[in-house]
Amino acid sequence: LRSFEDALQQVSWLVLFIPLVISSGGNSGSQSATLVITAMTSGD
């Protein structure tokens, strides 16, 4: 985030959506990991 500090100062509204963006990616990744690990454990 610090690497993009200048851009965030120029367009301040981008900061509002950081939690939305990273939580969408993290949650979807966690779902996929759980599904694949469970399927591998069961032999599917």
PDB file of all heavy atoms in Angstrom:
ATOM      1  N   LEU A   1       0.819  -1.208   0.000  1.00  0.00           N
ATOM      2  CA  LEU A   1       0.000   0.000   0.000  1.00  0.00           C
ATOM      3  C   LEU A   1       0.855   1.260   0.000  1.00  0.00           C
ATOM      4  O   LEU A   1       0.545   2.251  -0.668  1.00  0.00           O
ATOM      5  CB  LEU A   1      -0.915   0.001   1.233  1.00  0.00           C
ATOM      6  CG  LEU A   1      -2.247  -0.738   1.110  1.00  0.00           C
ATOM      7  CD1 LEU A   1      -2.946  -0.805   2.453  1.00  0.00           C
ATOM      8  CD2 LEU A   1      -3.133  -0.052   0.081  1.00  0.00           C
ATOM      9  N   ARG A   2       1.953   1.186   0.742  1.00  0.00           N
ATOM     10  CA  ARG A   2       2.832   2.361   0.822  1.00  0.00           C
ATOM     11  C   ARG A   2       3.411   2.707  -0.547  1.00  0.00           C
ATOM     12  O   ARG A   2       3.640   3.873  -0.864  1.00  0.00           O
ATOM     13  CB  ARG A   2       3.949   2.093   1.824  1.00  0.00           C
ATOM     14  CG  ARG A   2       4.852   3.287   2.069  1.00  0.00           C
ATOM     15  CD  ARG A   2       5.954   2.971   3.043  1.00  0.00           C
ATOM     16  NE  ARG A   2       6.830   4.127   3.221  1.00  0.00           N
ATOM     17  CZ  ARG A   2       7.944   4.106   3.957  1.00  0.00           C
ATOM     18  NH1 ARG A   2       8.305   2.990   4.575  1.00  0.00           N
ATOM     19  NH2 ARG A   2       8.683   5.196   4.073  1.00  0.00           N
ATOM     20  N   SER A   3       3.647   1.685  -1.374  1.00  0.00           N
ATOM     21  CA  SER A   3       4.206   1.906  -2.703  1.00  0.00           C
ATOM     22  C   SER A   3       3.260   2.713  -3.583  1.00  0.00           C
ATOM     23  O   SER A   3       3.690   3.327  -4.561  1.00  0.00           O
ATOM     24  CB  SER A   3       4.509   0.561  -3.378  1.00  0.00           C
ATOM     25  OG  SER A   3       5.411  -0.198  -2.590  1.00  0.00           O
ATOM     26  N   PHE A   4       1.956   2.673  -3.223  1.00  0.00           N
ATOM     27  CA  PHE A   4       0.960   3.401  -4.019  1.00  0.00           C
ATOM     28  C   PHE A   4       0.420   4.609  -3.258  1.00  0.00           C
ATOM     29  O   PHE A   4      -0.698   5.067  -3.514  1.00  0.00           O
ATOM     30  CB  PHE A   4      -0.182   2.467  -4.401  1.00  0.00           C
ATOM     31  CG  PHE A   4       0.248   1.278  -5.220  1.00  0.00           C
ATOM     32  CD1 PHE A   4       0.401   0.036  -4.627  1.00  0.00           C
ATOM     33  CD2 PHE A   4       0.525   1.408  -6.570  1.00  0.00           C
ATOM     34  CE1 PHE A   4       0.801  -1.059  -5.371  1.00  0.00           C
ATOM     35  CE2 PHE A   4       0.931   0.316  -7.325  1.00  0.00           C
ATOM     36  CZ  PHE A   4       1.073  -0.916  -6.731  1.00  0.00           C
ATOM     37  N   GLU A   5       1.217   5.119  -2.331  1.00  0.00           N
ATOM     38  CA  GLU A   5       0.755   6.206  -1.472  1.00  0.00           C
ATOM     39  C   GLU A   5       0.387   7.459  -2.274  1.00  0.00           C
ATOM     40  O   GLU A   5      -0.619   8.123  -2.014  1.00  0.00           O
ATOM     41  CB  GLU A   5       1.844   6.541  -0.452  1.00  0.00           C
ATOM     42  CG  GLU A   5       1.402   7.497   0.627  1.00  0.00           C
ATOM     43  CD  GLU A   5       2.463   7.684   1.699  1.00  0.00           C
ATOM     44  OE1 GLU A   5       3.519   7.021   1.607  1.00  0.00           O
ATOM     45  OE2 GLU A   5       2.242   8.483   2.608  1.00  0.00           O
ATOM     46  N   ASP A   6       1.190   7.778  -3.287  1.00  0.00           N
ATOM     47  CA  ASP A   6       0.925   8.986  -4.082  1.00  0.00           C
ATOM     48  C   ASP A   6      -0.408   8.871  -4.822  1.00  0.00           C
ATOM     49  O   ASP A   6      -1.197   9.837  -4.881  1.00  0.00           O
ATOM     50  CB  ASP A   6       2.056   9.210  -5.087  1.00  0.00           C
ATOM     51  CG  ASP A   6       3.360   9.588  -4.399  1.00  0.00           C
ATOM     52  OD1 ASP A   6       3.295  10.037  -3.236  1.00  0.00           O
ATOM     53  OD2 ASP A   6       4.434   9.408  -5.010  1.00  0.00           O
ATOM     54  N   ALA A   7      -0.653   7.698  -5.400  1.00  0.00           N
ATOM     55  CA  ALA A   7      -1.903   7.504  -6.135  1.00  0.00           C
ATOM     56  C   ALA A   7      -3.106   7.620  -5.200  1.00  0.00           C
ATOM     57  O   ALA A   7      -4.141   8.191  -5.562  1.00  0.00           O
ATOM     58  CB  ALA A   7      -1.897   6.137  -6.816  1.00  0.00           C
ATOM     59  N   LEU A   8      -2.980   7.100  -3.987  1.00  0.00           N
ATOM     60  CA  LEU A   8      -4.080   7.156  -3.034  1.00  0.00           C
ATOM     61  C   LEU A   8      -4.365   8.589  -2.585  1.00  0.00           C
ATOM     62  O   LEU A   8      -5.507   8.949  -2.286  1.00  0.00           O
ATOM     63  CB  LEU A   8      -3.771   6.270  -1.820  1.00  0.00           C
ATOM     64  CG  LEU A   8      -3.785   4.761  -2.084  1.00  0.00           C
ATOM     65  CD1 LEU A   8      -3.271   4.000  -0.869  1.00  0.00           C
ATOM     66  CD2 LEU A   8      -5.185   4.290  -2.447  1.00  0.00           C
ATOM     67  N   GLN A   9      -3.300   9.412  -2.517  1.00  0.00           N
ATOM     68  CA  GLN A   9      -3.502  10.812  -2.131  1.00  0.00           C
ATOM     69  C   GLN A   9      -4.210  11.580  -3.238  1.00  0.00           C
ATOM     70  O   GLN A   9      -5.022  12.469  -2.970  1.00  0.00           O
ATOM     71  CB  GLN A   9      -2.149  11.462  -1.815  1.00  0.00           C
ATOM     72  CG  GLN A   9      -1.540  10.975  -0.513  1.00  0.00           C
ATOM     73  CD  GLN A   9      -0.174  11.585  -0.242  1.00  0.00           C
ATOM     74  OE1 GLN A   9       0.415  12.235  -1.109  1.00  0.00           O
ATOM     75  NE2 GLN A   9       0.337  11.364   0.970  1.00  0.00           N
ATOM     76  N   GLN A  10      -3.914  11.215  -4.492  1.00  0.00           N
ATOM     77  CA  GLN A  10      -4.536  11.907  -5.612  1.00  0.00           C
ATOM     78  C   GLN A  10      -6.004  11.501  -5.775  1.00  0.00           C
ATOM     79  O   GLN A  10      -6.841  12.320  -6.146  1.00  0.00           O
ATOM     80  CB  GLN A  10      -3.762  11.613  -6.901  1.00  0.00           C
ATOM     81  CG  GLN A  10      -2.353  12.186  -6.913  1.00  0.00           C
ATOM     82  CD  GLN A  10      -1.585  11.769  -8.155  1.00  0.00           C
ATOM     83  OE1 GLN A  10      -2.176  11.347  -9.153  1.00  0.00           O
ATOM     84  NE2 GLN A  10      -0.258  11.883  -8.104  1.00  0.00           N
ATOM     85  N   VAL A  11      -6.291  10.208  -5.533  1.00  0.00           N
ATOM     86  CA  VAL A  11      -7.663   9.713  -5.674  1.00  0.00           C
ATOM     87  C   VAL A  11      -8.057   9.074  -4.342  1.00  0.00           C
ATOM     88  O   VAL A  11      -7.971   7.861  -4.147  1.00  0.00           O
ATOM     89  CB  VAL A  11      -7.782   8.689  -6.827  1.00  0.00           C
ATOM     90  CG1 VAL A  11      -9.248   8.374  -7.107  1.00  0.00           C
ATOM     91  CG2 VAL A  11      -7.104   9.196  -8.089  1.00  0.00           C
ATOM     92  N   SER A  12      -8.456   9.913  -3.412  1.00  0.00           N
ATOM     93  CA  SER A  12      -8.659   9.455  -2.031  1.00  0.00           C
ATOM     94  C   SER A  12      -9.779   8.432  -1.890  1.00  0.00           C
ATOM     95  O   SER A  12      -9.762   7.610  -0.970  1.00  0.00           O
ATOM     96  CB  SER A  12      -8.926  10.657  -1.128  1.00  0.00           C
ATOM     97  OG  SER A  12     -10.077  11.357  -1.593  1.00  0.00           O
ATOM     98  N   TRP A  13     -10.769   8.459  -2.781  1.00  0.00           N
ATOM     99  CA  TRP A  13     -11.900   7.543  -2.626  1.00  0.00           C
ATOM    100  C   TRP A  13     -11.506   6.074  -2.825  1.00  0.00           C
ATOM    101  O   TRP A  13     -12.245   5.170  -2.429  1.00  0.00           O
ATOM    102  CB  TRP A  13     -13.038   7.914  -3.569  1.00  0.00           C
ATOM    103  CG  TRP A  13     -12.713   7.852  -5.036  1.00  0.00           C
ATOM    104  CD1 TRP A  13     -12.321   8.887  -5.816  1.00  0.00           C
ATOM    105  CD2 TRP A  13     -12.772   6.708  -5.885  1.00  0.00           C
ATOM    106  NE1 TRP A  13     -12.109   8.477  -7.106  1.00  0.00           N
ATOM    107  CE2 TRP A  13     -12.384   7.137  -7.174  1.00  0.00           C
ATOM    108  CE3 TRP A  13     -13.104   5.371  -5.694  1.00  0.00           C
ATOM    109  CZ2 TRP A  13     -12.326   6.285  -8.266  1.00  0.00           C
ATOM    110  CZ3 TRP A  13     -13.050   4.515  -6.778  1.00  0.00           C
ATOM    111  CH2 TRP A  13     -12.656   4.947  -8.039  1.00  0.00           C
ATOM    112  N   LEU A  14     -10.332   5.820  -3.444  1.00  0.00           N
ATOM    113  CA  LEU A  14      -9.886   4.434  -3.633  1.00  0.00           C
ATOM    114  C   LEU A  14      -9.704   3.711  -2.296  1.00  0.00           C
ATOM    115  O   LEU A  14      -9.890   2.498  -2.202  1.00  0.00           O
ATOM    116  CB  LEU A  14      -8.568   4.403  -4.418  1.00  0.00           C
ATOM    117  CG  LEU A  14      -8.624   4.814  -5.891  1.00  0.00           C
ATOM    118  CD1 LEU A  14      -7.219   4.856  -6.471  1.00  0.00           C
ATOM    119  CD2 LEU A  14      -9.490   3.839  -6.678  1.00  0.00           C
ATOM    120  N   VAL A  15      -9.319   4.478  -1.270  1.00  0.00           N
ATOM    121  CA  VAL A  15      -9.074   3.870   0.054  1.00  0.00           C
ATOM    122  C   VAL A  15     -10.339   3.222   0.598  1.00  0.00           C
ATOM    123  O   VAL A  15     -10.285   2.194   1.282  1.00  0.00           O
ATOM    124  CB  VAL A  15      -8.563   4.943   1.040  1.00  0.00           C
ATOM    125  CG1 VAL A  15      -8.370   4.354   2.431  1.00  0.00           C
ATOM    126  CG2 VAL A  15      -7.268   5.552   0.537  1.00  0.00           C
ATOM    127  N   LEU A  16     -11.493   3.788   0.284  1.00  0.00           N
ATOM    128  CA  LEU A  16     -12.753   3.281   0.822  1.00  0.00           C
ATOM    129  C   LEU A  16     -13.023   1.829   0.412  1.00  0.00           C
ATOM    130  O   LEU A  16     -13.698   1.090   1.145  1.00  0.00           O
ATOM    131  CB  LEU A  16     -13.922   4.162   0.344  1.00  0.00           C
ATOM    132  CG  LEU A  16     -13.879   5.643   0.737  1.00  0.00           C
ATOM    133  CD1 LEU A  16     -15.028   6.391   0.081  1.00  0.00           C
ATOM    134  CD2 LEU A  16     -13.928   5.782   2.252  1.00  0.00           C
ATOM    135  N   PHE A  17     -12.493   1.431  -0.740  1.00  0.00           N
ATOM    136  CA  PHE A  17     -12.842   0.120  -1.284  1.00  0.00           C
ATOM    137  C   PHE A  17     -11.754  -0.944  -1.078  1.00  0.00           C
ATOM    138  O   PHE A  17     -11.909  -2.063  -1.545  1.00  0.00           O
ATOM    139  CB  PHE A  17     -13.160   0.253  -2.779  1.00  0.00           C
ATOM    140  CG  PHE A  17     -14.371   1.086  -3.051  1.00  0.00           C
ATOM    141  CD1 PHE A  17     -14.249   2.442  -3.327  1.00  0.00           C
ATOM    142  CD2 PHE A  17     -15.635   0.530  -2.987  1.00  0.00           C
ATOM    143  CE1 PHE A  17     -15.368   3.216  -3.564  1.00  0.00           C
ATOM    144  CE2 PHE A  17     -16.763   1.300  -3.225  1.00  0.00           C
ATOM    145  CZ  PHE A  17     -16.621   2.647  -3.508  1.00  0.00           C
ATOM    146  N   ILE A  18     -10.669  -0.570  -0.391  1.00  0.00           N
ATOM    147  CA  ILE A  18      -9.594  -1.549  -0.154  1.00  0.00           C
ATOM    148  C   ILE A  18     -10.093  -2.760   0.635  1.00  0.00           C
ATOM    149  O   ILE A  18      -9.848  -3.913   0.243  1.00  0.00           O
ATOM    150  CB  ILE A  18      -8.396  -0.881   0.553  1.00  0.00           C
ATOM    151  CG1 ILE A  18      -7.676   0.061  -0.429  1.00  0.00           C
ATOM    152  CG2 ILE A  18      -7.408  -1.941   1.073  1.00  0.00           C
ATOM    153  CD1 ILE A  18      -6.537   0.854   0.189  1.00  0.00           C
ATOM    154  N   PRO A  19     -10.821  -2.571   1.761  1.00  0.00           N
ATOM    155  CA  PRO A  19     -11.327  -3.765   2.485  1.00  0.00           C
ATOM    156  C   PRO A  19     -12.241  -4.631   1.627  1.00  0.00           C
ATOM    157  O   PRO A  19     -12.200  -5.860   1.706  1.00  0.00           O
ATOM    158  CB  PRO A  19     -12.084  -3.163   3.675  1.00  0.00           C
ATOM    159  CG  PRO A  19     -11.515  -1.800   3.844  1.00  0.00           C
ATOM    160  CD  PRO A  19     -11.168  -1.334   2.462  1.00  0.00           C
ATOM    161  N   LEU A  20     -13.068  -3.981   0.789  1.00  0.00           N
ATOM    162  CA  LEU A  20     -14.000  -4.720  -0.066  1.00  0.00           C
ATOM    163  C   LEU A  20     -13.238  -5.586  -1.071  1.00  0.00           C
ATOM    164  O   LEU A  20     -13.559  -6.765  -1.271  1.00  0.00           O
ATOM    165  CB  LEU A  20     -14.912  -3.739  -0.796  1.00  0.00           C
ATOM    166  CG  LEU A  20     -15.920  -4.328  -1.787  1.00  0.00           C
ATOM    167  CD1 LEU A  20     -16.942  -5.165  -1.052  1.00  0.00           C
ATOM    168  CD2 LEU A  20     -16.588  -3.202  -2.573  1.00  0.00           C
ATOM    169  N   VAL A  21     -12.215  -5.019  -1.681  1.00  0.00           N
ATOM    170  CA  VAL A  21     -11.459  -5.734  -2.714  1.00  0.00           C
ATOM    171  C   VAL A  21     -10.690  -6.911  -2.125  1.00  0.00           C
ATOM    172  O   VAL A  21     -10.782  -8.051  -2.604  1.00  0.00           O
ATOM    173  CB  VAL A  21     -10.497  -4.767  -3.435  1.00  0.00           C
ATOM    174  CG1 VAL A  21      -9.534  -5.537  -4.331  1.00  0.00           C
ATOM    175  CG2 VAL A  21     -11.276  -3.748  -4.253  1.00  0.00           C
ATOM    176  N   ILE A  22      -9.919  -6.662  -1.063  1.00  0.00           N
ATOM    177  CA  ILE A  22      -9.061  -7.740  -0.549  1.00  0.00           C
ATOM    178  C   ILE A  22      -9.879  -8.824   0.160  1.00  0.00           C
ATOM    179  O   ILE A  22      -9.505 -10.003   0.138  1.00  0.00           O
ATOM    180  CB  ILE A  22      -7.956  -7.185   0.385  1.00  0.00           C
ATOM    181  CG1 ILE A  22      -8.541  -6.506   1.617  1.00  0.00           C
ATOM    182  CG2 ILE A  22      -7.053  -6.230  -0.363  1.00  0.00           C
ATOM    183  CD1 ILE A  22      -7.474  -6.035   2.606  1.00  0.00           C
ATOM    184  N   SER A  23     -11.002  -8.439   0.786  1.00  0.00           N
ATOM    185  CA  SER A  23     -11.822  -9.477   1.439  1.00  0.00           C
ATOM    186  C   SER A  23     -12.489 -10.372   0.399  1.00  0.00           C
ATOM    187  O   SER A  23     -12.635 -11.580   0.616  1.00  0.00           O
ATOM    188  CB  SER A  23     -12.877  -8.838   2.339  1.00  0.00           C
ATOM    189  OG  SER A  23     -13.820  -8.107   1.578  1.00  0.00           O
ATOM    190  N   SER A  24     -12.891  -9.799  -0.747  1.00  0.00           N
ATOM    191  CA  SER A  24     -13.493 -10.619  -1.805  1.00  0.00           C
ATOM    192  C   SER A  24     -12.505 -11.660  -2.310  1.00  0.00           C
ATOM    193  O   SER A  24     -12.853 -12.832  -2.495  1.00  0.00           O
ATOM    194  CB  SER A  24     -13.947  -9.722  -2.965  1.00  0.00           C
ATOM    195  OG  SER A  24     -14.935  -8.823  -2.558  1.00  0.00           O
ATOM    196  N   GLY A  25     -11.261 -11.247  -2.530  1.00  0.00           N
ATOM    197  CA  GLY A  25     -10.246 -12.191  -2.993  1.00  0.00           C
ATOM    198  C   GLY A  25      -9.873 -13.208  -1.936  1.00  0.00           C
ATOM    199  O   GLY A  25      -9.765 -14.407  -2.214  1.00  0.00           O
ATOM    200  N   GLY A  26      -9.672 -12.755  -0.689  1.00  0.00           N
ATOM    201  CA  GLY A  26      -9.289 -13.672   0.386  1.00  0.00           C
ATOM    202  C   GLY A  26     -10.357 -14.696   0.685  1.00  0.00           C
ATOM    203  O   GLY A  26     -10.065 -15.887   0.866  1.00  0.00           O
ATOM    204  N   ASN A  27     -11.626 -14.258   0.714  1.00  0.00           N
ATOM    205  CA  ASN A  27     -12.725 -15.188   1.000  1.00  0.00           C
ATOM    206  C   ASN A  27     -12.894 -16.219  -0.105  1.00  0.00           C
ATOM    207  O   ASN A  27     -13.118 -17.410   0.162  1.00  0.00           O
ATOM    208  CB  ASN A  27     -14.032 -14.416   1.206  1.00  0.00           C
ATOM    209  CG  ASN A  27     -14.021 -13.580   2.469  1.00  0.00           C
ATOM    210  OD1 ASN A  27     -13.273 -13.862   3.395  1.00  0.00           O
ATOM    211  ND2 ASN A  27     -14.830 -12.540   2.503  1.00  0.00           N
ATOM    212  N   SER A  28     -12.818 -15.768  -1.359  1.00  0.00           N
ATOM    213  CA  SER A  28     -12.957 -16.723  -2.468  1.00  0.00           C
ATOM    214  C   SER A  28     -11.795 -17.707  -2.493  1.00  0.00           C
ATOM    215  O   SER A  28     -11.979 -18.893  -2.781  1.00  0.00           O
ATOM    216  CB  SER A  28     -13.054 -15.976  -3.799  1.00  0.00           C
ATOM    217  OG  SER A  28     -11.886 -15.219  -4.044  1.00  0.00           O
ATOM    218  N   GLY A  29     -10.581 -17.224  -2.191  1.00  0.00           N
ATOM    219  CA  GLY A  29      -9.423 -18.121  -2.138  1.00  0.00           C
ATOM    220  C   GLY A  29      -9.536 -19.153  -1.033  1.00  0.00           C
ATOM    221  O   GLY A  29      -9.199 -20.326  -1.220  1.00  0.00           O
ATOM    222  N   SER A  30     -10.045 -18.724   0.124  1.00  0.00           N
ATOM    223  CA  SER A  30     -10.235 -19.654   1.241  1.00  0.00           C
ATOM    224  C   SER A  30     -11.269 -20.720   0.910  1.00  0.00           C
ATOM    225  O   SER A  30     -11.100 -21.894   1.246  1.00  0.00           O
ATOM    226  CB  SER A  30     -10.664 -18.885   2.495  1.00  0.00           C
ATOM    227  OG  SER A  30      -9.659 -17.984   2.903  1.00  0.00           O
ATOM    228  N   GLN A  31     -12.353 -20.313   0.231  1.00  0.00           N
ATOM    229  CA  GLN A  31     -13.362 -21.286  -0.179  1.00  0.00           C
ATOM    230  C   GLN A  31     -12.768 -22.336  -1.118  1.00  0.00           C
ATOM    231  O   GLN A  31     -12.988 -23.535  -0.946  1.00  0.00           O
ATOM    232  CB  GLN A  31     -14.518 -20.565  -0.887  1.00  0.00           C
ATOM    233  CG  GLN A  31     -15.430 -19.788   0.030  1.00  0.00           C
ATOM    234  CD  GLN A  31     -16.552 -19.114  -0.744  1.00  0.00           C
ATOM    235  OE1 GLN A  31     -16.408 -18.804  -1.923  1.00  0.00           O
ATOM    236  NE2 GLN A  31     -17.678 -18.888  -0.079  1.00  0.00           N
ATOM    237  N   SER A  32     -11.999 -21.881  -2.111  1.00  0.00           N
ATOM    238  CA  SER A  32     -11.398 -22.812  -3.071  1.00  0.00           C
ATOM    239  C   SER A  32     -10.421 -23.752  -2.383  1.00  0.00           C
ATOM    240  O   SER A  32     -10.407 -24.955  -2.655  1.00  0.00           O
ATOM    241  CB  SER A  32     -10.680 -22.031  -4.181  1.00  0.00           C
ATOM    242  OG  SER A  32     -11.585 -21.278  -4.940  1.00  0.00           O
ATOM    243  N   ALA A  33      -9.608 -23.201  -1.478  1.00  0.00           N
ATOM    244  CA  ALA A  33      -8.640 -24.037  -0.766  1.00  0.00           C
ATOM    245  C   ALA A  33      -9.339 -25.110   0.053  1.00  0.00           C
ATOM    246  O   ALA A  33      -8.936 -26.281   0.042  1.00  0.00           O
ATOM    247  CB  ALA A  33      -7.764 -23.163   0.141  1.00  0.00           C
ATOM    248  N   THR A  34     -10.416 -24.730   0.751  1.00  0.00           N
ATOM    249  CA  THR A  34     -11.151 -25.701   1.566  1.00  0.00           C
ATOM    250  C   THR A  34     -11.768 -26.794   0.699  1.00  0.00           C
ATOM    251  O   THR A  34     -11.694 -27.982   1.018  1.00  0.00           O
ATOM    252  CB  THR A  34     -12.259 -24.994   2.364  1.00  0.00           C
ATOM    253  OG1 THR A  34     -11.670 -24.011   3.223  1.00  0.00           O
ATOM    254  CG2 THR A  34     -13.037 -25.991   3.209  1.00  0.00           C
ATOM    255  N   LEU A  35     -12.385 -26.400  -0.419  1.00  0.00           N
ATOM    256  CA  LEU A  35     -13.006 -27.374  -1.308  1.00  0.00           C
ATOM    257  C   LEU A  35     -11.989 -28.349  -1.889  1.00  0.00           C
ATOM    258  O   LEU A  35     -12.210 -29.567  -1.907  1.00  0.00           O
ATOM    259  CB  LEU A  35     -13.740 -26.650  -2.447  1.00  0.00           C
ATOM    260  CG  LEU A  35     -15.060 -25.970  -2.088  1.00  0.00           C
ATOM    261  CD1 LEU A  35     -15.516 -25.063  -3.221  1.00  0.00           C
ATOM    262  CD2 LEU A  35     -16.122 -27.000  -1.765  1.00  0.00           C
ATOM    263  N   VAL A  36     -10.863 -27.834  -2.356  1.00  0.00           N
ATOM    264  CA  VAL A  36      -9.857 -28.687  -2.997  1.00  0.00           C
ATOM    265  C   VAL A  36      -9.173 -29.591  -1.973  1.00  0.00           C
ATOM    266  O   VAL A  36      -8.968 -30.779  -2.224  1.00  0.00           O
ATOM    267  CB  VAL A  36      -8.819 -27.819  -3.745  1.00  0.00           C
ATOM    268  CG1 VAL A  36      -7.646 -28.673  -4.220  1.00  0.00           C
ATOM    269  CG2 VAL A  36      -9.475 -27.129  -4.924  1.00  0.00           C
ATOM    270  N   ILE A  37      -8.833 -29.047  -0.804  1.00  0.00           N
ATOM    271  CA  ILE A  37      -8.184 -29.864   0.226  1.00  0.00           C
ATOM    272  C   ILE A  37      -9.116 -30.980   0.687  1.00  0.00           C
ATOM    273  O   ILE A  37      -8.701 -32.128   0.860  1.00  0.00           O
ATOM    274  CB  ILE A  37      -7.750 -28.989   1.420  1.00  0.00           C
ATOM    275  CG1 ILE A  37      -6.592 -28.075   1.008  1.00  0.00           C
ATOM    276  CG2 ILE A  37      -7.322 -29.848   2.606  1.00  0.00           C
ATOM    277  CD1 ILE A  37      -6.241 -27.023   2.043  1.00  0.00           C
ATOM    278  N   THR A  38     -10.397 -30.649   0.881  1.00  0.00           N
ATOM    279  CA  THR A  38     -11.369 -31.670   1.285  1.00  0.00           C
ATOM    280  C   THR A  38     -11.513 -32.742   0.214  1.00  0.00           C
ATOM    281  O   THR A  38     -11.563 -33.940   0.522  1.00  0.00           O
ATOM    282  CB  THR A  38     -12.742 -31.014   1.555  1.00  0.00           C
ATOM    283  OG1 THR A  38     -12.602 -30.014   2.560  1.00  0.00           O
ATOM    284  CG2 THR A  38     -13.744 -32.060   2.023  1.00  0.00           C
ATOM    285  N   ALA A  39     -11.568 -32.319  -1.044  1.00  0.00           N
ATOM    286  CA  ALA A  39     -11.703 -33.275  -2.144  1.00  0.00           C
ATOM    287  C   ALA A  39     -10.464 -34.160  -2.267  1.00  0.00           C
ATOM    288  O   ALA A  39     -10.556 -35.357  -2.540  1.00  0.00           O
ATOM    289  CB  ALA A  39     -11.947 -32.536  -3.455  1.00  0.00           C
ATOM    290  N   MET A  40      -9.282 -33.591  -2.022  1.00  0.00           N
ATOM    291  CA  MET A  40      -8.048 -34.387  -2.076  1.00  0.00           C
ATOM    292  C   MET A  40      -7.987 -35.371  -0.913  1.00  0.00           C
ATOM    293  O   MET A  40      -7.547 -36.509  -1.073  1.00  0.00           O
ATOM    294  CB  MET A  40      -6.833 -33.457  -2.057  1.00  0.00           C
ATOM    295  CG  MET A  40      -6.679 -32.613  -3.310  1.00  0.00           C
ATOM    296  SD  MET A  40      -5.332 -31.421  -3.198  1.00  0.00           S
ATOM    297  CE  MET A  40      -3.918 -32.506  -3.269  1.00  0.00           C
ATOM    298  N   THR A  41      -8.452 -34.935   0.251  1.00  0.00           N
ATOM    299  CA  THR A  41      -8.437 -35.820   1.423  1.00  0.00           C
ATOM    300  C   THR A  41      -9.371 -37.003   1.231  1.00  0.00           C
ATOM    301  O   THR A  41      -9.047 -38.129   1.613  1.00  0.00           O
ATOM    302  CB  THR A  41      -8.859 -35.023   2.685  1.00  0.00           C
ATOM    303  OG1 THR A  41      -7.954 -33.938   2.876  1.00  0.00           O
ATOM    304  CG2 THR A  41      -8.843 -35.926   3.915  1.00  0.00           C
ATOM    305  N   SER A  42     -10.527 -36.763   0.622  1.00  0.00           N
ATOM    306  CA  SER A  42     -11.495 -37.844   0.403  1.00  0.00           C
ATOM    307  C   SER A  42     -11.142 -38.716  -0.792  1.00  0.00           C
ATOM    308  O   SER A  42     -11.777 -39.742  -1.024  1.00  0.00           O
ATOM    309  CB  SER A  42     -12.895 -37.257   0.211  1.00  0.00           C
ATOM    310  OG  SER A  42     -12.957 -36.499  -0.986  1.00  0.00           O
ATOM    311  N   GLY A  43     -10.145 -38.293  -1.577  1.00  0.00           N
ATOM    312  CA  GLY A  43      -9.758 -39.061  -2.762  1.00  0.00           C
ATOM    313  C   GLY A  43     -10.539 -38.694  -3.997  1.00  0.00           C
ATOM    314  O   GLY A  43     -10.344 -39.298  -5.057  1.00  0.00           O
ATOM    315  N   ASP A  44     -11.410 -37.697  -3.896  1.00  0.00           N
ATOM    316  CA  ASP A  44     -12.221 -37.294  -5.045  1.00  0.00           C
ATOM    317  C   ASP A  44     -11.377 -36.592  -6.107  1.00  0.00           C
ATOM    318  O   ASP A  44     -11.671 -36.656  -7.299  1.00  0.00           O
ATOM    319  CB  ASP A  44     -13.345 -36.370  -4.569  1.00  0.00           C
ATOM    320  CG  ASP A  44     -14.287 -35.975  -5.687  1.00  0.00           C
ATOM    321  OD1 ASP A  44     -14.647 -36.852  -6.490  1.00  0.00           O
ATOM    322  OD2 ASP A  44     -14.662 -34.793  -5.766  1.00  0.00           O
TER     323      ASP A  44
END
